[in-house]
Amino acid sequence: MITLNIHEAKTNLSKHLKELTEDKPILLCKRNIPIAKICAIKQKVSKKRPIGLAKGEFTVPKSFFEPLPDEMISLFEGHGV
């Protein structure tokens, strides 16, 4: 964990952000008292997922394509029943 006081963070934050990883967060302190933690976020997957990745694992029932009942549509529109 990287521990920085506010002055150090303002001065050298970009340098410390390069060291930031999911396992090594930055603890931001005010007069040596922790006030915040800066954590790395997961990076997006750089390669595209293949089409049909879950093929054969489930089926969509025919009822999925049927129109919704009027009561359900009223609820979605905020009118109540």
PDB file of N, CA and C in Angstrom:
ATOM      1  N   MET A   1       0.847  -1.172   0.000  1.00  0.00           N
ATOM      2  CA  MET A   1       0.000   0.000   0.000  1.00  0.00           C
ATOM      3  C   MET A   1       0.898   1.242   0.000  1.00  0.00           C
ATOM      4  N   ILE A   2       0.544   2.191  -0.836  1.00  0.00           N
ATOM      5  CA  ILE A   2       1.268   3.452  -0.908  1.00  0.00           C
ATOM      6  C   ILE A   2       0.541   4.446  -0.006  1.00  0.00           C
ATOM      7  N   THR A   3       1.239   5.047   0.943  1.00  0.00           N
ATOM      8  CA  THR A   3       0.632   6.020   1.849  1.00  0.00           C
ATOM      9  C   THR A   3       1.165   7.407   1.515  1.00  0.00           C
ATOM     10  N   LEU A   4       0.239   8.328   1.248  1.00  0.00           N
ATOM     11  CA  LEU A   4       0.621   9.695   0.885  1.00  0.00           C
ATOM     12  C   LEU A   4      -0.156  10.704   1.714  1.00  0.00           C
ATOM     13  N   ASN A   5       0.529  11.750   2.153  1.00  0.00           N
ATOM     14  CA  ASN A   5      -0.169  12.889   2.730  1.00  0.00           C
ATOM     15  C   ASN A   5      -0.662  13.763   1.570  1.00  0.00           C
ATOM     16  N   ILE A   6      -1.606  14.629   1.826  1.00  0.00           N
ATOM     17  CA  ILE A   6      -2.236  15.422   0.772  1.00  0.00           C
ATOM     18  C   ILE A   6      -1.203  16.229  -0.012  1.00  0.00           C
ATOM     19  N   HIS A   7      -0.261  16.850   0.654  1.00  0.00           N
ATOM     20  CA  HIS A   7       0.745  17.660  -0.036  1.00  0.00           C
ATOM     21  C   HIS A   7       1.559  16.797  -1.012  1.00  0.00           C
ATOM     22  N   GLU A   8       1.987  15.626  -0.555  1.00  0.00           N
ATOM     23  CA  GLU A   8       2.742  14.706  -1.412  1.00  0.00           C
ATOM     24  C   GLU A   8       1.887  14.244  -2.594  1.00  0.00           C
ATOM     25  N   ALA A   9       0.608  13.982  -2.347  1.00  0.00           N
ATOM     26  CA  ALA A   9      -0.285  13.546  -3.419  1.00  0.00           C
ATOM     27  C   ALA A   9      -0.457  14.649  -4.466  1.00  0.00           C
ATOM     28  N   LYS A  10      -0.624  15.893  -4.021  1.00  0.00           N
ATOM     29  CA  LYS A  10      -0.769  17.005  -4.967  1.00  0.00           C
ATOM     30  C   LYS A  10       0.492  17.202  -5.786  1.00  0.00           C
ATOM     31  N   THR A  11       1.627  16.959  -5.177  1.00  0.00           N
ATOM     32  CA  THR A  11       2.903  17.187  -5.851  1.00  0.00           C
ATOM     33  C   THR A  11       3.263  16.060  -6.815  1.00  0.00           C
ATOM     34  N   ASN A  12       3.043  14.814  -6.409  1.00  0.00           N
ATOM     35  CA  ASN A  12       3.540  13.668  -7.178  1.00  0.00           C
ATOM     36  C   ASN A  12       2.470  12.619  -7.496  1.00  0.00           C
ATOM     37  N   LEU A  13       1.218  13.008  -7.600  1.00  0.00           N
ATOM     38  CA  LEU A  13       0.159  12.020  -7.803  1.00  0.00           C
ATOM     39  C   LEU A  13       0.350  11.234  -9.096  1.00  0.00           C
ATOM     40  N   SER A  14       0.696  11.890 -10.188  1.00  0.00           N
ATOM     41  CA  SER A  14       0.838  11.172 -11.457  1.00  0.00           C
ATOM     42  C   SER A  14       1.921  10.103 -11.368  1.00  0.00           C
ATOM     43  N   LYS A  15       3.001  10.377 -10.651  1.00  0.00           N
ATOM     44  CA  LYS A  15       4.064   9.387 -10.465  1.00  0.00           C
ATOM     45  C   LYS A  15       3.542   8.176  -9.696  1.00  0.00           C
ATOM     46  N   HIS A  16       2.780   8.434  -8.643  1.00  0.00           N
ATOM     47  CA  HIS A  16       2.272   7.343  -7.817  1.00  0.00           C
ATOM     48  C   HIS A  16       1.151   6.575  -8.506  1.00  0.00           C
ATOM     49  N   LEU A  17       0.391   7.215  -9.373  1.00  0.00           N
ATOM     50  CA  LEU A  17      -0.669   6.511 -10.088  1.00  0.00           C
ATOM     51  C   LEU A  17      -0.088   5.455 -11.021  1.00  0.00           C
ATOM     52  N   LYS A  18       1.114   5.665 -11.510  1.00  0.00           N
ATOM     53  CA  LYS A  18       1.770   4.656 -12.351  1.00  0.00           C
ATOM     54  C   LYS A  18       2.078   3.391 -11.558  1.00  0.00           C
ATOM     55  N   GLU A  19       2.273   3.530 -10.262  1.00  0.00           N
ATOM     56  CA  GLU A  19       2.565   2.380  -9.388  1.00  0.00           C
ATOM     57  C   GLU A  19       1.298   1.680  -8.900  1.00  0.00           C
ATOM     58  N   LEU A  20       0.160   2.298  -9.120  1.00  0.00           N
ATOM     59  CA  LEU A  20      -1.116   1.793  -8.613  1.00  0.00           C
ATOM     60  C   LEU A  20      -1.508   0.493  -9.306  1.00  0.00           C
ATOM     61  N   THR A  21      -1.853  -0.524  -8.518  1.00  0.00           N
ATOM     62  CA  THR A  21      -2.369  -1.785  -9.034  1.00  0.00           C
ATOM     63  C   THR A  21      -3.542  -2.195  -8.149  1.00  0.00           C
ATOM     64  N   GLU A  22      -4.227  -3.284  -8.548  1.00  0.00           N
ATOM     65  CA  GLU A  22      -5.344  -3.766  -7.729  1.00  0.00           C
ATOM     66  C   GLU A  22      -4.863  -4.214  -6.353  1.00  0.00           C
ATOM     67  N   ASP A  23      -3.639  -4.716  -6.293  1.00  0.00           N
ATOM     68  CA  ASP A  23      -3.091  -5.208  -5.022  1.00  0.00           C
ATOM     69  C   ASP A  23      -2.355  -4.129  -4.232  1.00  0.00           C
ATOM     70  N   LYS A  24      -2.110  -2.985  -4.856  1.00  0.00           N
ATOM     71  CA  LYS A  24      -1.314  -1.938  -4.216  1.00  0.00           C
ATOM     72  C   LYS A  24      -2.056  -0.598  -4.318  1.00  0.00           C
ATOM     73  N   PRO A  25      -3.059  -0.355  -3.437  1.00  0.00           N
ATOM     74  CA  PRO A  25      -3.808   0.911  -3.481  1.00  0.00           C
ATOM     75  C   PRO A  25      -3.015   2.061  -2.864  1.00  0.00           C
ATOM     76  N   ILE A  26      -3.524   3.259  -3.050  1.00  0.00           N
ATOM     77  CA  ILE A  26      -2.932   4.461  -2.446  1.00  0.00           C
ATOM     78  C   ILE A  26      -3.821   4.871  -1.270  1.00  0.00           C
ATOM     79  N   LEU A  27      -3.213   5.040  -0.104  1.00  0.00           N
ATOM     80  CA  LEU A  27      -3.929   5.507   1.076  1.00  0.00           C
ATOM     81  C   LEU A  27      -3.622   6.992   1.219  1.00  0.00           C
ATOM     82  N   LEU A  28      -4.643   7.826   1.110  1.00  0.00           N
ATOM     83  CA  LEU A  28      -4.482   9.278   1.192  1.00  0.00           C
ATOM     84  C   LEU A  28      -4.729   9.721   2.632  1.00  0.00           C
ATOM     85  N   CYS A  29      -3.787  10.481   3.169  1.00  0.00           N
ATOM     86  CA  CYS A  29      -3.856  10.891   4.574  1.00  0.00           C
ATOM     87  C   CYS A  29      -3.854  12.412   4.708  1.00  0.00           C
ATOM     88  N   LYS A  30      -4.453  12.871   5.793  1.00  0.00           N
ATOM     89  CA  LYS A  30      -4.408  14.285   6.168  1.00  0.00           C
ATOM     90  C   LYS A  30      -3.748  14.319   7.540  1.00  0.00           C
ATOM     91  N   ARG A  31      -2.549  14.874   7.582  1.00  0.00           N
ATOM     92  CA  ARG A  31      -1.750  14.889   8.816  1.00  0.00           C
ATOM     93  C   ARG A  31      -1.575  13.481   9.381  1.00  0.00           C
ATOM     94  N   ASN A  32      -1.227  12.556   8.484  1.00  0.00           N
ATOM     95  CA  ASN A  32      -0.974  11.150   8.807  1.00  0.00           C
ATOM     96  C   ASN A  32      -2.189  10.378   9.295  1.00  0.00           C
ATOM     97  N   ILE A  33      -3.383  10.931   9.103  1.00  0.00           N
ATOM     98  CA  ILE A  33      -4.621  10.224   9.451  1.00  0.00           C
ATOM     99  C   ILE A  33      -5.304   9.833   8.142  1.00  0.00           C
ATOM    100  N   PRO A  34      -5.526   8.547   7.920  1.00  0.00           N
ATOM    101  CA  PRO A  34      -6.139   8.097   6.664  1.00  0.00           C
ATOM    102  C   PRO A  34      -7.521   8.714   6.453  1.00  0.00           C
ATOM    103  N   ILE A  35      -7.751   9.234   5.228  1.00  0.00           N
ATOM    104  CA  ILE A  35      -9.056   9.824   4.909  1.00  0.00           C
ATOM    105  C   ILE A  35      -9.673   9.221   3.655  1.00  0.00           C
ATOM    106  N   ALA A  36      -8.858   8.599   2.792  1.00  0.00           N
ATOM    107  CA  ALA A  36      -9.395   8.018   1.560  1.00  0.00           C
ATOM    108  C   ALA A  36      -8.444   6.961   1.036  1.00  0.00           C
ATOM    109  N   LYS A  37      -9.015   6.067   0.228  1.00  0.00           N
ATOM    110  CA  LYS A  37      -8.204   5.035  -0.414  1.00  0.00           C
ATOM    111  C   LYS A  37      -8.478   5.083  -1.911  1.00  0.00           C
ATOM    112  N   ILE A  38      -7.434   5.136  -2.704  1.00  0.00           N
ATOM    113  CA  ILE A  38      -7.551   5.145  -4.165  1.00  0.00           C
ATOM    114  C   ILE A  38      -7.172   3.753  -4.648  1.00  0.00           C
ATOM    115  N   CYS A  39      -8.116   3.097  -5.320  1.00  0.00           N
ATOM    116  CA  CYS A  39      -7.896   1.733  -5.796  1.00  0.00           C
ATOM    117  C   CYS A  39      -7.924   1.699  -7.320  1.00  0.00           C
ATOM    118  N   ALA A  40      -7.153   0.807  -7.887  1.00  0.00           N
ATOM    119  CA  ALA A  40      -7.162   0.612  -9.336  1.00  0.00           C
ATOM    120  C   ALA A  40      -8.458  -0.096  -9.727  1.00  0.00           C
ATOM    121  N   ILE A  41      -8.954   0.216 -10.913  1.00  0.00           N
ATOM    122  CA  ILE A  41     -10.126  -0.484 -11.426  1.00  0.00           C
ATOM    123  C   ILE A  41      -9.669  -1.476 -12.478  1.00  0.00           C
ATOM    124  N   LYS A  42     -10.454  -2.516 -12.651  1.00  0.00           N
ATOM    125  CA  LYS A  42     -10.103  -3.524 -13.635  1.00  0.00           C
ATOM    126  C   LYS A  42     -10.165  -2.919 -15.030  1.00  0.00           C
ATOM    127  N   GLN A  43      -9.202  -3.276 -15.829  1.00  0.00           N
ATOM    128  CA  GLN A  43      -9.163  -2.804 -17.209  1.00  0.00           C
ATOM    129  C   GLN A  43     -10.143  -3.609 -18.049  1.00  0.00           C
ATOM    130  N   LYS A  44     -10.675  -2.978 -19.082  1.00  0.00           N
ATOM    131  CA  LYS A  44     -11.593  -3.668 -19.976  1.00  0.00           C
ATOM    132  C   LYS A  44     -10.842  -4.758 -20.733  1.00  0.00           C
ATOM    133  N   VAL A  45     -11.582  -5.795 -21.065  1.00  0.00           N
ATOM    134  CA  VAL A  45     -11.004  -6.874 -21.853  1.00  0.00           C
ATOM    135  C   VAL A  45     -10.681  -6.326 -23.236  1.00  0.00           C
ATOM    136  N   SER A  46      -9.457  -6.538 -23.695  1.00  0.00           N
ATOM    137  CA  SER A  46      -9.030  -5.929 -24.946  1.00  0.00           C
ATOM    138  C   SER A  46      -9.493  -6.712 -26.178  1.00  0.00           C
ATOM    139  N   LYS A  47      -9.793  -7.988 -26.028  1.00  0.00           N
ATOM    140  CA  LYS A  47     -10.248  -8.739 -27.193  1.00  0.00           C
ATOM    141  C   LYS A  47     -11.755  -8.968 -27.113  1.00  0.00           C
ATOM    142  N   LYS A  48     -12.384  -9.012 -28.265  1.00  0.00           N
ATOM    143  CA  LYS A  48     -13.836  -9.179 -28.328  1.00  0.00           C
ATOM    144  C   LYS A  48     -14.220 -10.612 -27.979  1.00  0.00           C
ATOM    145  N   ARG A  49     -15.402 -10.746 -27.401  1.00  0.00           N
ATOM    146  CA  ARG A  49     -15.914 -12.073 -27.088  1.00  0.00           C
ATOM    147  C   ARG A  49     -16.438 -12.711 -28.367  1.00  0.00           C
ATOM    148  N   PRO A  50     -16.255 -14.001 -28.501  1.00  0.00           N
ATOM    149  CA  PRO A  50     -16.759 -14.660 -29.707  1.00  0.00           C
ATOM    150  C   PRO A  50     -18.282 -14.751 -29.689  1.00  0.00           C
ATOM    151  N   ILE A  51     -18.879 -14.699 -30.872  1.00  0.00           N
ATOM    152  CA  ILE A  51     -20.339 -14.837 -30.990  1.00  0.00           C
ATOM    153  C   ILE A  51     -20.701 -16.292 -30.692  1.00  0.00           C
ATOM    154  N   GLY A  52     -21.787 -16.462 -29.945  1.00  0.00           N
ATOM    155  CA  GLY A  52     -22.242 -17.816 -29.625  1.00  0.00           C
ATOM    156  C   GLY A  52     -21.491 -18.450 -28.477  1.00  0.00           C
ATOM    157  N   LEU A  53     -20.943 -17.642 -27.597  1.00  0.00           N
ATOM    158  CA  LEU A  53     -20.135 -18.137 -26.488  1.00  0.00           C
ATOM    159  C   LEU A  53     -20.914 -19.104 -25.583  1.00  0.00           C
ATOM    160  N   ALA A  54     -22.208 -18.850 -25.365  1.00  0.00           N
ATOM    161  CA  ALA A  54     -23.019 -19.688 -24.478  1.00  0.00           C
ATOM    162  C   ALA A  54     -23.994 -20.561 -25.264  1.00  0.00           C
ATOM    163  N   LYS A  55     -23.700 -20.801 -26.529  1.00  0.00           N
ATOM    164  CA  LYS A  55     -24.601 -21.583 -27.378  1.00  0.00           C
ATOM    165  C   LYS A  55     -24.837 -22.965 -26.769  1.00  0.00           C
ATOM    166  N   GLY A  56     -26.120 -23.324 -26.691  1.00  0.00           N
ATOM    167  CA  GLY A  56     -26.494 -24.630 -26.165  1.00  0.00           C
ATOM    168  C   GLY A  56     -26.628 -24.687 -24.662  1.00  0.00           C
ATOM    169  N   GLU A  57     -26.294 -23.624 -23.954  1.00  0.00           N
ATOM    170  CA  GLU A  57     -26.382 -23.634 -22.493  1.00  0.00           C
ATOM    171  C   GLU A  57     -27.781 -23.279 -21.985  1.00  0.00           C
ATOM    172  N   PHE A  58     -28.577 -22.606 -22.807  1.00  0.00           N
ATOM    173  CA  PHE A  58     -29.949 -22.290 -22.422  1.00  0.00           C
ATOM    174  C   PHE A  58     -30.762 -22.082 -23.687  1.00  0.00           C
ATOM    175  N   THR A  59     -32.089 -22.122 -23.518  1.00  0.00           N
ATOM    176  CA  THR A  59     -32.990 -21.852 -24.645  1.00  0.00           C
ATOM    177  C   THR A  59     -33.971 -20.766 -24.230  1.00  0.00           C
ATOM    178  N   VAL A  60     -34.363 -19.964 -25.186  1.00  0.00           N
ATOM    179  CA  VAL A  60     -35.333 -18.903 -24.926  1.00  0.00           C
ATOM    180  C   VAL A  60     -36.719 -19.485 -25.171  1.00  0.00           C
ATOM    181  N   PRO A  61     -37.609 -19.457 -24.172  1.00  0.00           N
ATOM    182  CA  PRO A  61     -38.950 -20.019 -24.370  1.00  0.00           C
ATOM    183  C   PRO A  61     -39.761 -19.169 -25.353  1.00  0.00           C
ATOM    184  N   LYS A  62     -40.699 -19.802 -26.041  1.00  0.00           N
ATOM    185  CA  LYS A  62     -41.534 -19.087 -27.016  1.00  0.00           C
ATOM    186  C   LYS A  62     -42.347 -17.985 -26.348  1.00  0.00           C
ATOM    187  N   SER A  63     -42.697 -18.154 -25.088  1.00  0.00           N
ATOM    188  CA  SER A  63     -43.487 -17.144 -24.376  1.00  0.00           C
ATOM    189  C   SER A  63     -42.730 -15.823 -24.231  1.00  0.00           C
ATOM    190  N   PHE A  64     -41.425 -15.849 -24.378  1.00  0.00           N
ATOM    191  CA  PHE A  64     -40.618 -14.636 -24.286  1.00  0.00           C
ATOM    192  C   PHE A  64     -41.023 -13.625 -25.356  1.00  0.00           C
ATOM    193  N   PHE A  65     -41.427 -14.117 -26.521  1.00  0.00           N
ATOM    194  CA  PHE A  65     -41.749 -13.246 -27.642  1.00  0.00           C
ATOM    195  C   PHE A  65     -43.224 -12.832 -27.676  1.00  0.00           C
ATOM    196  N   GLU A  66     -44.035 -13.349 -26.770  1.00  0.00           N
ATOM    197  CA  GLU A  66     -45.449 -12.971 -26.720  1.00  0.00           C
ATOM    198  C   GLU A  66     -45.595 -11.579 -26.104  1.00  0.00           C
ATOM    199  N   PRO A  67     -46.634 -10.820 -26.503  1.00  0.00           N
ATOM    200  CA  PRO A  67     -46.839  -9.481 -25.927  1.00  0.00           C
ATOM    201  C   PRO A  67     -47.092  -9.564 -24.419  1.00  0.00           C
ATOM    202  N   LEU A  68     -46.683  -8.545 -23.720  1.00  0.00           N
ATOM    203  CA  LEU A  68     -46.932  -8.474 -22.279  1.00  0.00           C
ATOM    204  C   LEU A  68     -48.405  -8.203 -22.014  1.00  0.00           C
ATOM    205  N   PRO A  69     -48.926  -8.683 -20.885  1.00  0.00           N
ATOM    206  CA  PRO A  69     -50.310  -8.363 -20.523  1.00  0.00           C
ATOM    207  C   PRO A  69     -50.450  -6.854 -20.272  1.00  0.00           C
ATOM    208  N   ASP A  70     -51.666  -6.339 -20.490  1.00  0.00           N
ATOM    209  CA  ASP A  70     -51.920  -4.905 -20.306  1.00  0.00           C
ATOM    210  C   ASP A  70     -51.580  -4.430 -18.895  1.00  0.00           C
ATOM    211  N   GLU A  71     -51.841  -5.285 -17.876  1.00  0.00           N
ATOM    212  CA  GLU A  71     -51.536  -4.895 -16.499  1.00  0.00           C
ATOM    213  C   GLU A  71     -50.035  -4.650 -16.326  1.00  0.00           C
ATOM    214  N   MET A  72     -49.226  -5.498 -16.934  1.00  0.00           N
ATOM    215  CA  MET A  72     -47.770  -5.367 -16.828  1.00  0.00           C
ATOM    216  C   MET A  72     -47.302  -4.095 -17.534  1.00  0.00           C
ATOM    217  N   ILE A  73     -47.862  -3.807 -18.698  1.00  0.00           N
ATOM    218  CA  ILE A  73     -47.499  -2.598 -19.431  1.00  0.00           C
ATOM    219  C   ILE A  73     -47.854  -1.362 -18.613  1.00  0.00           C
ATOM    220  N   SER A  74     -49.001  -1.372 -17.954  1.00  0.00           N
ATOM    221  CA  SER A  74     -49.416  -0.256 -17.101  1.00  0.00           C
ATOM    222  C   SER A  74     -48.414  -0.018 -15.979  1.00  0.00           C
ATOM    223  N   LEU A  75     -47.919  -1.098 -15.400  1.00  0.00           N
ATOM    224  CA  LEU A  75     -46.930  -0.967 -14.322  1.00  0.00           C
ATOM    225  C   LEU A  75     -45.631  -0.350 -14.838  1.00  0.00           C
ATOM    226  N   PHE A  76     -45.185  -0.773 -16.025  1.00  0.00           N
ATOM    227  CA  PHE A  76     -43.960  -0.200 -16.607  1.00  0.00           C
ATOM    228  C   PHE A  76     -44.139   1.287 -16.907  1.00  0.00           C
ATOM    229  N   GLU A  77     -45.337   1.670 -17.289  1.00  0.00           N
ATOM    230  CA  GLU A  77     -45.598   3.081 -17.621  1.00  0.00           C
ATOM    231  C   GLU A  77     -45.878   3.907 -16.379  1.00  0.00           C
ATOM    232  N   GLY A  78     -45.943   3.276 -15.208  1.00  0.00           N
ATOM    233  CA  GLY A  78     -46.143   3.998 -13.966  1.00  0.00           C
ATOM    234  C   GLY A  78     -47.586   4.326 -13.653  1.00  0.00           C
ATOM    235  N   HIS A  79     -48.529   3.648 -14.312  1.00  0.00           N
ATOM    236  CA  HIS A  79     -49.951   3.934 -14.074  1.00  0.00           C
ATOM    237  C   HIS A  79     -50.559   3.090 -12.969  1.00  0.00           C
ATOM    238  N   GLY A  80     -49.915   2.033 -12.582  1.00  0.00           N
ATOM    239  CA  GLY A  80     -50.479   1.136 -11.582  1.00  0.00           C
ATOM    240  C   GLY A  80     -51.540   0.275 -12.203  1.00  0.00           C
ATOM    241  N   VAL A  81     -52.142  -0.579 -11.405  1.00  0.00           N
ATOM    242  CA  VAL A  81     -53.183  -1.506 -11.923  1.00  0.00           C
ATOM    243  C   VAL A  81     -54.548  -0.967 -11.602  1.00  0.00           C
TER     244      VAL A  81
END
